[in-house]
Full PDB file with SEQRES, HELIX, SHEET, SSBOND, CRYST1, ORIGX, SCALE, CONECT and MASTER records, all heavy atoms in Angstrom:
SEQRES   1 A   36  ALA LYS ALA SER LYS PHE ILE LEU CYS PRO ARG GLY VAL          
SEQRES   2 A   36  SER ALA SER SER ILE ARG LEU PHE GLU ALA MET ARG MET          
SEQRES   3 A   36  GLY ARG ALA PRO VAL ILE LEU SER ASP ASP                      
HELIX    1 AA1 ILE A   18  MET A   26  1                                   9    
SHEET    1 AA1 2 PHE A   6  PRO A  10  0                                        
SHEET    2 AA1 2 ALA A  29  LEU A  33  1                                        
CRYST1    1.000    1.000    1.000  90.00  90.00  90.00 P 1           1          
ORIGX1      1.000000  0.000000  0.000000        0.00000                         
ORIGX2      0.000000  1.000000  0.000000        0.00000                         
ORIGX3      0.000000  0.000000  1.000000        0.00000                         
SCALE1      1.000000  0.000000  0.000000        0.00000                         
SCALE2      0.000000  1.000000  0.000000        0.00000                         
SCALE3      0.000000  0.000000  1.000000        0.00000                         
ATOM      1  N   ALA A   1      29.665  74.077   6.315  1.00  0.00           N  
ATOM      2  CA  ALA A   1      29.607  74.995   5.174  1.00  0.00           C  
ATOM      3  C   ALA A   1      29.598  74.225   3.858  1.00  0.00           C  
ATOM      4  O   ALA A   1      28.817  74.541   2.944  1.00  0.00           O  
ATOM      5  CB  ALA A   1      30.785  75.958   5.219  1.00  0.00           C  
ATOM      6  N   LYS A   2      30.432  73.216   3.757  1.00  0.00           N  
ATOM      7  CA  LYS A   2      30.510  72.440   2.511  1.00  0.00           C  
ATOM      8  C   LYS A   2      29.269  71.600   2.268  1.00  0.00           C  
ATOM      9  O   LYS A   2      29.006  71.187   1.133  1.00  0.00           O  
ATOM     10  CB  LYS A   2      31.752  71.549   2.543  1.00  0.00           C  
ATOM     11  CG  LYS A   2      33.056  72.322   2.487  1.00  0.00           C  
ATOM     12  CD  LYS A   2      34.247  71.388   2.591  1.00  0.00           C  
ATOM     13  CE  LYS A   2      35.555  72.156   2.604  1.00  0.00           C  
ATOM     14  NZ  LYS A   2      36.731  71.255   2.703  1.00  0.00           N  
ATOM     15  N   ALA A   3      28.493  71.343   3.331  1.00  0.00           N  
ATOM     16  CA  ALA A   3      27.247  70.577   3.189  1.00  0.00           C  
ATOM     17  C   ALA A   3      26.063  71.485   2.893  1.00  0.00           C  
ATOM     18  O   ALA A   3      24.922  71.026   2.863  1.00  0.00           O  
ATOM     19  CB  ALA A   3      26.987  69.780   4.468  1.00  0.00           C  
ATOM     20  N   SER A   4      26.313  72.771   2.653  1.00  0.00           N  
ATOM     21  CA  SER A   4      25.253  73.758   2.472  1.00  0.00           C  
ATOM     22  C   SER A   4      25.303  74.372   1.078  1.00  0.00           C  
ATOM     23  O   SER A   4      26.378  74.554   0.502  1.00  0.00           O  
ATOM     24  CB  SER A   4      25.392  74.878   3.519  1.00  0.00           C  
ATOM     25  OG  SER A   4      25.492  74.338   4.823  1.00  0.00           O  
ATOM     26  N   LYS A   5      24.136  74.724   0.569  1.00  0.00           N  
ATOM     27  CA  LYS A   5      24.058  75.384  -0.730  1.00  0.00           C  
ATOM     28  C   LYS A   5      24.282  76.885  -0.596  1.00  0.00           C  
ATOM     29  O   LYS A   5      24.873  77.507  -1.485  1.00  0.00           O  
ATOM     30  CB  LYS A   5      22.703  75.094  -1.373  1.00  0.00           C  
ATOM     31  CG  LYS A   5      22.488  73.609  -1.665  1.00  0.00           C  
ATOM     32  CD  LYS A   5      21.138  73.335  -2.307  1.00  0.00           C  
ATOM     33  CE  LYS A   5      20.980  71.845  -2.587  1.00  0.00           C  
ATOM     34  NZ  LYS A   5      19.683  71.533  -3.223  1.00  0.00           N  
ATOM     35  N   PHE A   6      23.805  77.451   0.484  1.00  0.00           N  
ATOM     36  CA  PHE A   6      24.001  78.861   0.769  1.00  0.00           C  
ATOM     37  C   PHE A   6      24.579  78.997   2.183  1.00  0.00           C  
ATOM     38  O   PHE A   6      24.203  78.236   3.082  1.00  0.00           O  
ATOM     39  CB  PHE A   6      22.684  79.641   0.705  1.00  0.00           C  
ATOM     40  CG  PHE A   6      22.053  79.675  -0.665  1.00  0.00           C  
ATOM     41  CD1 PHE A   6      21.087  78.743  -1.021  1.00  0.00           C  
ATOM     42  CD2 PHE A   6      22.423  80.643  -1.586  1.00  0.00           C  
ATOM     43  CE1 PHE A   6      20.493  78.776  -2.281  1.00  0.00           C  
ATOM     44  CE2 PHE A   6      21.830  80.686  -2.849  1.00  0.00           C  
ATOM     45  CZ  PHE A   6      20.866  79.749  -3.194  1.00  0.00           C  
ATOM     46  N   ILE A   7      25.467  79.964   2.368  1.00  0.00           N  
ATOM     47  CA  ILE A   7      26.041  80.216   3.683  1.00  0.00           C  
ATOM     48  C   ILE A   7      25.637  81.618   4.123  1.00  0.00           C  
ATOM     49  O   ILE A   7      25.891  82.598   3.410  1.00  0.00           O  
ATOM     50  CB  ILE A   7      27.576  80.095   3.653  1.00  0.00           C  
ATOM     51  CG1 ILE A   7      27.985  78.667   3.289  1.00  0.00           C  
ATOM     52  CG2 ILE A   7      28.175  80.486   5.001  1.00  0.00           C  
ATOM     53  CD1 ILE A   7      29.474  78.472   3.154  1.00  0.00           C  
ATOM     54  N   LEU A   8      25.005  81.716   5.278  1.00  0.00           N  
ATOM     55  CA  LEU A   8      24.607  83.019   5.802  1.00  0.00           C  
ATOM     56  C   LEU A   8      25.840  83.753   6.313  1.00  0.00           C  
ATOM     57  O   LEU A   8      26.614  83.215   7.106  1.00  0.00           O  
ATOM     58  CB  LEU A   8      23.583  82.864   6.926  1.00  0.00           C  
ATOM     59  CG  LEU A   8      22.303  82.076   6.585  1.00  0.00           C  
ATOM     60  CD1 LEU A   8      21.312  82.165   7.743  1.00  0.00           C  
ATOM     61  CD2 LEU A   8      21.668  82.584   5.302  1.00  0.00           C  
ATOM     62  N   CYS A   9      26.013  84.996   5.854  1.00  0.00           N  
ATOM     63  CA  CYS A   9      27.180  85.803   6.215  1.00  0.00           C  
ATOM     64  C   CYS A   9      26.716  87.118   6.833  1.00  0.00           C  
ATOM     65  O   CYS A   9      26.740  88.175   6.171  1.00  0.00           O  
ATOM     66  CB  CYS A   9      28.044  86.063   4.986  1.00  0.00           C  
ATOM     67  SG  CYS A   9      28.654  84.567   4.178  1.00  0.00           S  
ATOM     68  N   PRO A  10      26.286  87.093   8.092  1.00  0.00           N  
ATOM     69  CA  PRO A  10      25.866  88.326   8.754  1.00  0.00           C  
ATOM     70  C   PRO A  10      27.067  89.142   9.211  1.00  0.00           C  
ATOM     71  O   PRO A  10      28.161  88.605   9.373  1.00  0.00           O  
ATOM     72  CB  PRO A  10      25.081  87.820   9.958  1.00  0.00           C  
ATOM     73  CG  PRO A  10      25.772  86.529  10.297  1.00  0.00           C  
ATOM     74  CD  PRO A  10      26.172  85.918   8.972  1.00  0.00           C  
ATOM     75  N   ARG A  11      26.853  90.424   9.424  1.00  0.00           N  
ATOM     76  CA  ARG A  11      27.911  91.240   9.976  1.00  0.00           C  
ATOM     77  C   ARG A  11      28.256  90.743  11.374  1.00  0.00           C  
ATOM     78  O   ARG A  11      27.430  90.117  12.048  1.00  0.00           O  
ATOM     79  CB  ARG A  11      27.509  92.707  10.038  1.00  0.00           C  
ATOM     80  CG  ARG A  11      26.396  93.047  11.021  1.00  0.00           C  
ATOM     81  CD  ARG A  11      26.338  94.536  11.283  1.00  0.00           C  
ATOM     82  NE  ARG A  11      27.563  94.996  11.934  1.00  0.00           N  
ATOM     83  CZ  ARG A  11      28.112  96.195  11.738  1.00  0.00           C  
ATOM     84  NH1 ARG A  11      27.537  97.058  10.932  1.00  0.00           N  
ATOM     85  NH2 ARG A  11      29.229  96.531  12.376  1.00  0.00           N  
ATOM     86  N   GLY A  12      29.465  91.018  11.794  1.00  0.00           N  
ATOM     87  CA  GLY A  12      29.870  90.694  13.154  1.00  0.00           C  
ATOM     88  C   GLY A  12      30.141  91.986  13.897  1.00  0.00           C  
ATOM     89  O   GLY A  12      29.327  92.901  13.874  1.00  0.00           O  
ATOM     90  N   VAL A  13      31.317  92.081  14.507  1.00  0.00           N  
ATOM     91  CA  VAL A  13      31.698  93.324  15.176  1.00  0.00           C  
ATOM     92  C   VAL A  13      31.784  94.453  14.153  1.00  0.00           C  
ATOM     93  O   VAL A  13      31.380  95.580  14.407  1.00  0.00           O  
ATOM     94  CB  VAL A  13      33.044  93.150  15.912  1.00  0.00           C  
ATOM     95  CG1 VAL A  13      33.492  94.464  16.525  1.00  0.00           C  
ATOM     96  CG2 VAL A  13      32.907  92.089  16.992  1.00  0.00           C  
ATOM     97  N   SER A  14      32.297  94.138  12.971  1.00  0.00           N  
ATOM     98  CA  SER A  14      32.344  95.132  11.891  1.00  0.00           C  
ATOM     99  C   SER A  14      31.372  94.726  10.786  1.00  0.00           C  
ATOM    100  O   SER A  14      30.803  93.631  10.807  1.00  0.00           O  
ATOM    101  CB  SER A  14      33.762  95.248  11.324  1.00  0.00           C  
ATOM    102  OG  SER A  14      34.145  94.060  10.673  1.00  0.00           O  
ATOM    103  N   ALA A  15      31.209  95.608   9.815  1.00  0.00           N  
ATOM    104  CA  ALA A  15      30.232  95.354   8.751  1.00  0.00           C  
ATOM    105  C   ALA A  15      30.645  94.189   7.867  1.00  0.00           C  
ATOM    106  O   ALA A  15      29.798  93.515   7.277  1.00  0.00           O  
ATOM    107  CB  ALA A  15      30.057  96.616   7.908  1.00  0.00           C  
ATOM    108  N   SER A  16      31.935  93.954   7.763  1.00  0.00           N  
ATOM    109  CA  SER A  16      32.422  92.846   6.951  1.00  0.00           C  
ATOM    110  C   SER A  16      32.603  91.604   7.814  1.00  0.00           C  
ATOM    111  O   SER A  16      32.574  91.674   9.045  1.00  0.00           O  
ATOM    112  CB  SER A  16      33.745  93.218   6.291  1.00  0.00           C  
ATOM    113  OG  SER A  16      34.175  92.194   5.421  1.00  0.00           O  
ATOM    114  N   SER A  17      32.781  90.478   7.153  1.00  0.00           N  
ATOM    115  CA  SER A  17      32.990  89.217   7.877  1.00  0.00           C  
ATOM    116  C   SER A  17      33.890  88.327   7.046  1.00  0.00           C  
ATOM    117  O   SER A  17      33.703  88.195   5.825  1.00  0.00           O  
ATOM    118  CB  SER A  17      31.646  88.512   8.128  1.00  0.00           C  
ATOM    119  OG  SER A  17      31.859  87.198   8.596  1.00  0.00           O  
ATOM    120  N   ILE A  18      34.860  87.705   7.712  1.00  0.00           N  
ATOM    121  CA  ILE A  18      35.749  86.783   7.004  1.00  0.00           C  
ATOM    122  C   ILE A  18      34.969  85.588   6.461  1.00  0.00           C  
ATOM    123  O   ILE A  18      35.379  84.933   5.496  1.00  0.00           O  
ATOM    124  CB  ILE A  18      36.891  86.320   7.927  1.00  0.00           C  
ATOM    125  CG1 ILE A  18      38.003  85.688   7.088  1.00  0.00           C  
ATOM    126  CG2 ILE A  18      36.384  85.372   9.007  1.00  0.00           C  
ATOM    127  CD1 ILE A  18      39.262  85.401   7.855  1.00  0.00           C  
ATOM    128  N   ARG A  19      33.798  85.331   7.046  1.00  0.00           N  
ATOM    129  CA  ARG A  19      32.936  84.223   6.607  1.00  0.00           C  
ATOM    130  C   ARG A  19      32.569  84.361   5.125  1.00  0.00           C  
ATOM    131  O   ARG A  19      32.453  83.370   4.399  1.00  0.00           O  
ATOM    132  CB  ARG A  19      31.674  84.216   7.472  1.00  0.00           C  
ATOM    133  CG  ARG A  19      30.718  83.079   7.262  1.00  0.00           C  
ATOM    134  CD  ARG A  19      29.484  83.300   8.125  1.00  0.00           C  
ATOM    135  NE  ARG A  19      29.874  83.574   9.501  1.00  0.00           N  
ATOM    136  CZ  ARG A  19      30.042  82.645  10.436  1.00  0.00           C  
ATOM    137  NH1 ARG A  19      29.832  81.383  10.125  1.00  0.00           N  
ATOM    138  NH2 ARG A  19      30.390  82.975  11.657  1.00  0.00           N  
ATOM    139  N   LEU A  20      32.374  85.596   4.671  1.00  0.00           N  
ATOM    140  CA  LEU A  20      32.035  85.840   3.277  1.00  0.00           C  
ATOM    141  C   LEU A  20      33.120  85.326   2.351  1.00  0.00           C  
ATOM    142  O   LEU A  20      32.852  84.658   1.341  1.00  0.00           O  
ATOM    143  CB  LEU A  20      31.816  87.346   3.069  1.00  0.00           C  
ATOM    144  CG  LEU A  20      31.755  87.863   1.637  1.00  0.00           C  
ATOM    145  CD1 LEU A  20      30.606  87.231   0.876  1.00  0.00           C  
ATOM    146  CD2 LEU A  20      31.637  89.387   1.638  1.00  0.00           C  
ATOM    147  N   PHE A  21      34.369  85.614   2.686  1.00  0.00           N  
ATOM    148  CA  PHE A  21      35.487  85.214   1.845  1.00  0.00           C  
ATOM    149  C   PHE A  21      35.757  83.712   1.954  1.00  0.00           C  
ATOM    150  O   PHE A  21      36.195  83.084   0.996  1.00  0.00           O  
ATOM    151  CB  PHE A  21      36.718  86.034   2.205  1.00  0.00           C  
ATOM    152  CG  PHE A  21      36.499  87.516   2.008  1.00  0.00           C  
ATOM    153  CD1 PHE A  21      36.000  88.298   3.041  1.00  0.00           C  
ATOM    154  CD2 PHE A  21      36.758  88.111   0.791  1.00  0.00           C  
ATOM    155  CE1 PHE A  21      35.770  89.654   2.858  1.00  0.00           C  
ATOM    156  CE2 PHE A  21      36.540  89.474   0.599  1.00  0.00           C  
ATOM    157  CZ  PHE A  21      36.028  90.239   1.635  1.00  0.00           C  
ATOM    158  N   GLU A  22      35.472  83.142   3.122  1.00  0.00           N  
ATOM    159  CA  GLU A  22      35.591  81.692   3.282  1.00  0.00           C  
ATOM    160  C   GLU A  22      34.555  80.976   2.437  1.00  0.00           C  
ATOM    161  O   GLU A  22      34.843  79.925   1.835  1.00  0.00           O  
ATOM    162  CB  GLU A  22      35.439  81.321   4.756  1.00  0.00           C  
ATOM    163  CG  GLU A  22      36.624  81.740   5.621  1.00  0.00           C  
ATOM    164  CD  GLU A  22      36.376  81.508   7.102  1.00  0.00           C  
ATOM    165  OE1 GLU A  22      35.197  81.511   7.530  1.00  0.00           O  
ATOM    166  OE2 GLU A  22      37.360  81.330   7.845  1.00  0.00           O  
ATOM    167  N   ALA A  23      33.336  81.511   2.380  1.00  0.00           N  
ATOM    168  CA  ALA A  23      32.284  80.907   1.550  1.00  0.00           C  
ATOM    169  C   ALA A  23      32.722  80.896   0.088  1.00  0.00           C  
ATOM    170  O   ALA A  23      32.581  79.886  -0.615  1.00  0.00           O  
ATOM    171  CB  ALA A  23      30.978  81.681   1.723  1.00  0.00           C  
ATOM    172  N   MET A  24      33.266  82.015  -0.371  1.00  0.00           N  
ATOM    173  CA  MET A  24      33.736  82.085  -1.754  1.00  0.00           C  
ATOM    174  C   MET A  24      34.853  81.086  -1.997  1.00  0.00           C  
ATOM    175  O   MET A  24      34.889  80.405  -3.029  1.00  0.00           O  
ATOM    176  CB  MET A  24      34.222  83.497  -2.054  1.00  0.00           C  
ATOM    177  CG  MET A  24      33.136  84.563  -2.022  1.00  0.00           C  
ATOM    178  SD  MET A  24      33.801  86.248  -2.189  1.00  0.00           S  
ATOM    179  CE  MET A  24      34.428  86.197  -3.882  1.00  0.00           C  
ATOM    180  N   ARG A  25      35.773  81.003  -1.059  1.00  0.00           N  
ATOM    181  CA  ARG A  25      36.903  80.076  -1.197  1.00  0.00           C  
ATOM    182  C   ARG A  25      36.439  78.631  -1.307  1.00  0.00           C  
ATOM    183  O   ARG A  25      36.973  77.839  -2.081  1.00  0.00           O  
ATOM    184  CB  ARG A  25      37.843  80.245  -0.007  1.00  0.00           C  
ATOM    185  CG  ARG A  25      39.098  79.393  -0.066  1.00  0.00           C  
ATOM    186  CD  ARG A  25      39.996  79.708   1.120  1.00  0.00           C  
ATOM    187  NE  ARG A  25      41.241  78.970   1.041  1.00  0.00           N  
ATOM    188  CZ  ARG A  25      41.726  78.173   1.994  1.00  0.00           C  
ATOM    189  NH1 ARG A  25      41.047  78.036   3.125  1.00  0.00           N  
ATOM    190  NH2 ARG A  25      42.866  77.555   1.856  1.00  0.00           N  
ATOM    191  N   MET A  26      35.395  78.281  -0.542  1.00  0.00           N  
ATOM    192  CA  MET A  26      34.885  76.914  -0.552  1.00  0.00           C  
ATOM    193  C   MET A  26      33.962  76.632  -1.727  1.00  0.00           C  
ATOM    194  O   MET A  26      33.584  75.492  -1.961  1.00  0.00           O  
ATOM    195  CB  MET A  26      34.170  76.623   0.769  1.00  0.00           C  
ATOM    196  CG  MET A  26      35.091  76.489   1.953  1.00  0.00           C  
ATOM    197  SD  MET A  26      34.235  76.028   3.489  1.00  0.00           S  
ATOM    198  CE  MET A  26      33.528  77.619   3.973  1.00  0.00           C  
ATOM    199  N   GLY A  27      33.563  77.687  -2.451  1.00  0.00           N  
ATOM    200  CA  GLY A  27      32.675  77.482  -3.582  1.00  0.00           C  
ATOM    201  C   GLY A  27      31.218  77.396  -3.189  1.00  0.00           C  
ATOM    202  O   GLY A  27      30.460  76.613  -3.771  1.00  0.00           O  
ATOM    203  N   ARG A  28      30.819  78.231  -2.228  1.00  0.00           N  
ATOM    204  CA  ARG A  28      29.425  78.261  -1.792  1.00  0.00           C  
ATOM    205  C   ARG A  28      28.890  79.684  -1.935  1.00  0.00           C  
ATOM    206  O   ARG A  28      29.621  80.659  -1.758  1.00  0.00           O  
ATOM    207  CB  ARG A  28      29.294  77.799  -0.336  1.00  0.00           C  
ATOM    208  CG  ARG A  28      29.739  76.356  -0.111  1.00  0.00           C  
ATOM    209  CD  ARG A  28      28.880  75.366  -0.898  1.00  0.00           C  
ATOM    210  NE  ARG A  28      29.268  73.977  -0.651  1.00  0.00           N  
ATOM    211  CZ  ARG A  28      30.147  73.295  -1.373  1.00  0.00           C  
ATOM    212  NH1 ARG A  28      30.765  73.898  -2.384  1.00  0.00           N  
ATOM    213  NH2 ARG A  28      30.431  72.043  -1.097  1.00  0.00           N  
ATOM    214  N   ALA A  29      27.607  79.791  -2.218  1.00  0.00           N  
ATOM    215  CA  ALA A  29      26.995  81.097  -2.442  1.00  0.00           C  
ATOM    216  C   ALA A  29      26.751  81.800  -1.113  1.00  0.00           C  
ATOM    217  O   ALA A  29      26.045  81.273  -0.250  1.00  0.00           O  
ATOM    218  CB  ALA A  29      25.676  80.928  -3.193  1.00  0.00           C  
ATOM    219  N   PRO A  30      27.308  82.989  -0.911  1.00  0.00           N  
ATOM    220  CA  PRO A  30      27.114  83.712   0.349  1.00  0.00           C  
ATOM    221  C   PRO A  30      25.819  84.526   0.331  1.00  0.00           C  
ATOM    222  O   PRO A  30      25.413  85.061  -0.699  1.00  0.00           O  
ATOM    223  CB  PRO A  30      28.330  84.634   0.410  1.00  0.00           C  
ATOM    224  CG  PRO A  30      28.684  84.883  -1.025  1.00  0.00           C  
ATOM    225  CD  PRO A  30      28.303  83.644  -1.785  1.00  0.00           C  
ATOM    226  N   VAL A  31      25.195  84.615   1.514  1.00  0.00           N  
ATOM    227  CA  VAL A  31      24.021  85.464   1.713  1.00  0.00           C  
ATOM    228  C   VAL A  31      24.447  86.536   2.707  1.00  0.00           C  
ATOM    229  O   VAL A  31      24.675  86.250   3.882  1.00  0.00           O  
ATOM    230  CB  VAL A  31      22.822  84.661   2.248  1.00  0.00           C  
ATOM    231  CG1 VAL A  31      21.609  85.566   2.424  1.00  0.00           C  
ATOM    232  CG2 VAL A  31      22.489  83.504   1.305  1.00  0.00           C  
ATOM    233  N   ILE A  32      24.559  87.764   2.235  1.00  0.00           N  
ATOM    234  CA  ILE A  32      25.134  88.852   3.023  1.00  0.00           C  
ATOM    235  C   ILE A  32      24.035  89.597   3.763  1.00  0.00           C  
ATOM    236  O   ILE A  32      23.091  90.095   3.145  1.00  0.00           O  
ATOM    237  CB  ILE A  32      25.911  89.819   2.112  1.00  0.00           C  
ATOM    238  CG1 ILE A  32      27.013  89.056   1.360  1.00  0.00           C  
ATOM    239  CG2 ILE A  32      26.509  90.973   2.919  1.00  0.00           C  
ATOM    240  CD1 ILE A  32      27.589  89.812   0.177  1.00  0.00           C  
ATOM    241  N   LEU A  33      24.157  89.679   5.085  1.00  0.00           N  
ATOM    242  CA  LEU A  33      23.232  90.449   5.913  1.00  0.00           C  
ATOM    243  C   LEU A  33      24.031  91.502   6.661  1.00  0.00           C  
ATOM    244  O   LEU A  33      24.506  91.284   7.772  1.00  0.00           O  
ATOM    245  CB  LEU A  33      22.499  89.545   6.904  1.00  0.00           C  
ATOM    246  CG  LEU A  33      21.558  88.512   6.275  1.00  0.00           C  
ATOM    247  CD1 LEU A  33      22.204  87.139   6.313  1.00  0.00           C  
ATOM    248  CD2 LEU A  33      20.231  88.486   6.994  1.00  0.00           C  
ATOM    249  N   SER A  34      24.226  92.633   6.025  1.00  0.00           N  
ATOM    250  CA  SER A  34      25.022  93.706   6.615  1.00  0.00           C  
ATOM    251  C   SER A  34      24.708  94.982   5.858  1.00  0.00           C  
ATOM    252  O   SER A  34      25.256  95.225   4.775  1.00  0.00           O  
ATOM    253  CB  SER A  34      26.515  93.375   6.537  1.00  0.00           C  
ATOM    254  OG  SER A  34      27.284  94.403   7.099  1.00  0.00           O  
ATOM    255  N   ASP A  35      23.841  95.806   6.410  1.00  0.00           N  
ATOM    256  CA  ASP A  35      23.383  97.004   5.707  1.00  0.00           C  
ATOM    257  C   ASP A  35      24.497  98.009   5.464  1.00  0.00           C  
ATOM    258  O   ASP A  35      24.432  98.791   4.514  1.00  0.00           O  
ATOM    259  CB  ASP A  35      22.252  97.671   6.495  1.00  0.00           C  
ATOM    260  CG  ASP A  35      21.004  96.804   6.580  1.00  0.00           C  
ATOM    261  OD1 ASP A  35      20.936  95.795   5.837  1.00  0.00           O  
ATOM    262  OD2 ASP A  35      20.114  97.123   7.385  1.00  0.00           O  
ATOM    263  N   ASP A  36      25.522  98.026   6.315  1.00  0.00           N  
ATOM    264  CA  ASP A  36      26.599  99.017   6.187  1.00  0.00           C  
ATOM    265  C   ASP A  36      27.819  98.493   5.439  1.00  0.00           C  
ATOM    266  O   ASP A  36      28.818  99.204   5.308  1.00  0.00           O  
ATOM    267  CB  ASP A  36      27.026  99.496   7.583  1.00  0.00           C  
ATOM    268  CG  ASP A  36      25.955 100.320   8.254  1.00  0.00           C  
ATOM    269  OD1 ASP A  36      25.287 101.100   7.565  1.00  0.00           O  
ATOM    270  OD2 ASP A  36      25.774 100.179   9.477  1.00  0.00           O  
TER     271      ASP A  36                                                      
MASTER        0    0    0    1    2    0    0    6  270    1    0    3          
END                                                                             
């Protein structure tokens, strides 16, 4: 994640993903793929 400019954050079992908040914490731009 730290070696990346953008981090893909697709939905998992639910529409949200902890990955999104981890990307923000690490200082990386999240790309959200979750219509709901």
